[in-house]
Amino acid sequence: MDAEQFYASVSERCAREFAEHAASLSRWRNARLFVVVASVGLLAIAWKLEIGSLLVAACYVTAVFCIVFFIAATEQLTMSAKDASARAMAQSQDSLARMAHDWDSFAVPESSERVNQLPLSIDLDLFGRASIFHRMCFAKSSAGRETFARWLTSPASPVEIIRRQNIAKKLVGVPQWRFDLQSKCADIERSLRQINLLQKWAEQTDHTFSATLLDWYVQALPFLAIASMLFIPFAPFVFAAMAGGIVVTNFIIIVCTSGRIYDNLMQLTRDNASTMAPSLSAVYEHVALSPEVHSLLPDFSTAAGEAQHALKRLERVVFLGTLSKNPLAAIYVYIPLQFLVLWDHQMNRMASQWRAKHGAEVSRWIAIIGEIEALSSLAAIKHENPTWAFPDVGEGLSPSFRSLELSHPLIKPSIRVSNDISIGPAGTISVITGSNMGGKSTLLRSIGVAAVLAQAGAPCCCSSLTMSPLKVLTSVKAADSLAESASLFMAQLLRLKQVIHEIRRGNEDKCELPSIYLLDEILNGTNTTDRREIVEDLIGFLLEARAIGVMTTHDMELSSESRHSNFIKSYSMGHRCGDLKTADQLKFDYKLKKGASAERSAMILASILGL
């Protein structure tokens, strides 16, 4: 089953489940109303006819209360299932919209301002609406999105790339598991503030308990309470004395320490931060208890199992520590236990023990969820695009980039035009000439996006890609800025300065990756003579620096008349096709061909428009 069929089937199934849960919810609500009305009616009749005693009436009311409570609980579970079906249906619709490139129909994932403003991000449309991140990041949690964003902006080592690729290939075959993972991580994201509170609480140093007399007393208190009860059958006075002493002592302790203990315990449970333990536990349970994933990802499954058990224990502590929030539990359970065994102190002690043992690991558990989500995103990309290839990023290769049938992933498949491209070896430069609207800038972005995705471990929009590890440097979308008082020419110069600086830094620092530069119609904001001289000097620097890359230009003579022509690999794009009677009919084949371009479309387009 391909991805589109899978999402459509999930959407249909969730729609059926939603309708079933809605009907069931209506029946339970009617049943609750019937029970309440019928019970009140029968009770009124019994009272009118003076049938039964007060005890019978009390038993009757208790039974009715239990029935109503059972119906209400079932109603709540049905409502939760209905909401889950609605969310899953919306999630599948989002996935279908994603595949159709219907950008307005699914939300733009949040990313940090830092990565949004990187020149690489701006030039290659990595983040924001209708971007690579928008199309390819399936992560629902902030940890997953941060991990995927970091992978896009920080090239991985070849060993790490292979690891990510291998895991993603395995996860391609379990689409339902990946879909359910998104749903469970979405539950975490709905309470983002709470997960931050839980993480903050877990990492704090606990000063409420230490090896003091009070700590020893709290540990011994349950045994003292049990021991006092042993005297009830044969020495009730002893029991009364011990129980009275315990209650009085506990009352004094509560008065003296309740504020500090209560604040520490409520820090874990306030603002519904306690919901994060079940949410994280559910995600880890999904990873740890999936047989197919356990065999595919044994390391993740083992870590997930440990985290899930620890989080289950925290769930129990949280549940027991919040008894005071429930009115019935507070009256019948919490208050007696508070005076008998210092319940808040006992729960605080258990929470402190959990924090001492597992607190430092919460951040790691959240990071693991982020990595699993990012890996799942890589698998989802491949599942939705089975013809895309996982690149071969070879360590030790000389700087190179070779791809077959390369195209841009943000263009709809029905109108994509692919090209074969080979960049390198070091000491050469590829120059693409051609008319406006011919596809030069799109090809540059396709190369850059492929290099970024390849070094993130993701499949690329091509039939094959072989490259060495490369640092991607771009100057594609330099623009003027009124706010910064920067003209177009100055903005282009500053961007070129950044590219040159990074290349020099890479040559000086042998630990840096070799560079691949992508320069689009540079310095088109100045006159031809100055541009030509600057470009000549720039090409000389790039050749000497042994970097590889592509430059596009409208200077048709650059390839043949440059003093560096022997080192220039000349290509052209923007070959016209079709009739040219109207502007709409001005079409190009968008194919890359060897040799400089001789075509000029600007004058033709201006003439068609009557200019």
Foldseek 3Di string as FASTA:
>chain_A
DFLLVVLVVLLVVLVVLLVVLVVVLVVLVVVLVCLVVVLVVVLVVCVVVVPDDPVVVVVSVVVSVVVSVVSVVVSVVSVVSNVLSVVLNLLSVQLNCLLVLVQVSHDFDDDDPVLCPDPLCVLLVCGDTLRVSRNQQLAQAPLQSHLLSCLLQPFDDLVVLVVLLLLLVLLLVPVVLLSVLNSLNNVCRVPVVLLVLQLVLLPDDDDPDDPDPVNVCLVCQVVLLVVLVVCVPPHVVSSVVSQVVLLVVLVVVCVVCVVVLVVSLVSCPPPNSLVNLVSLLVSLCSQQVDVSNCVSPVPSNVVSVVSNVLSVLVNVLNVQLCLCVDVVSVVPPVVVCCSRNVSSVVSSVSVNVSSVVCSVCSVVSSNSSSVVSNSSSLSVVCSNPVQFAQANADEPDAFKKWFAQFFAPSDNPVPTGGATDIKDDFLFEEEEAEEPPFQLSRVLSSRSSCLSQNSSSHTHNGNYMYGYNADEQEDRDQAADPVVNGHSQRSLVVSVVVVLVVLVVCLVDVVDGAYEYEYEAGNPVDDPVVVLVVVLVVVVSRSVSRGMYYYYHNPQCCCPPRPSNVRYFYKYTYDFDADLQALVRGDGSSYIGGDGDPDYCPVSHCVNVVD
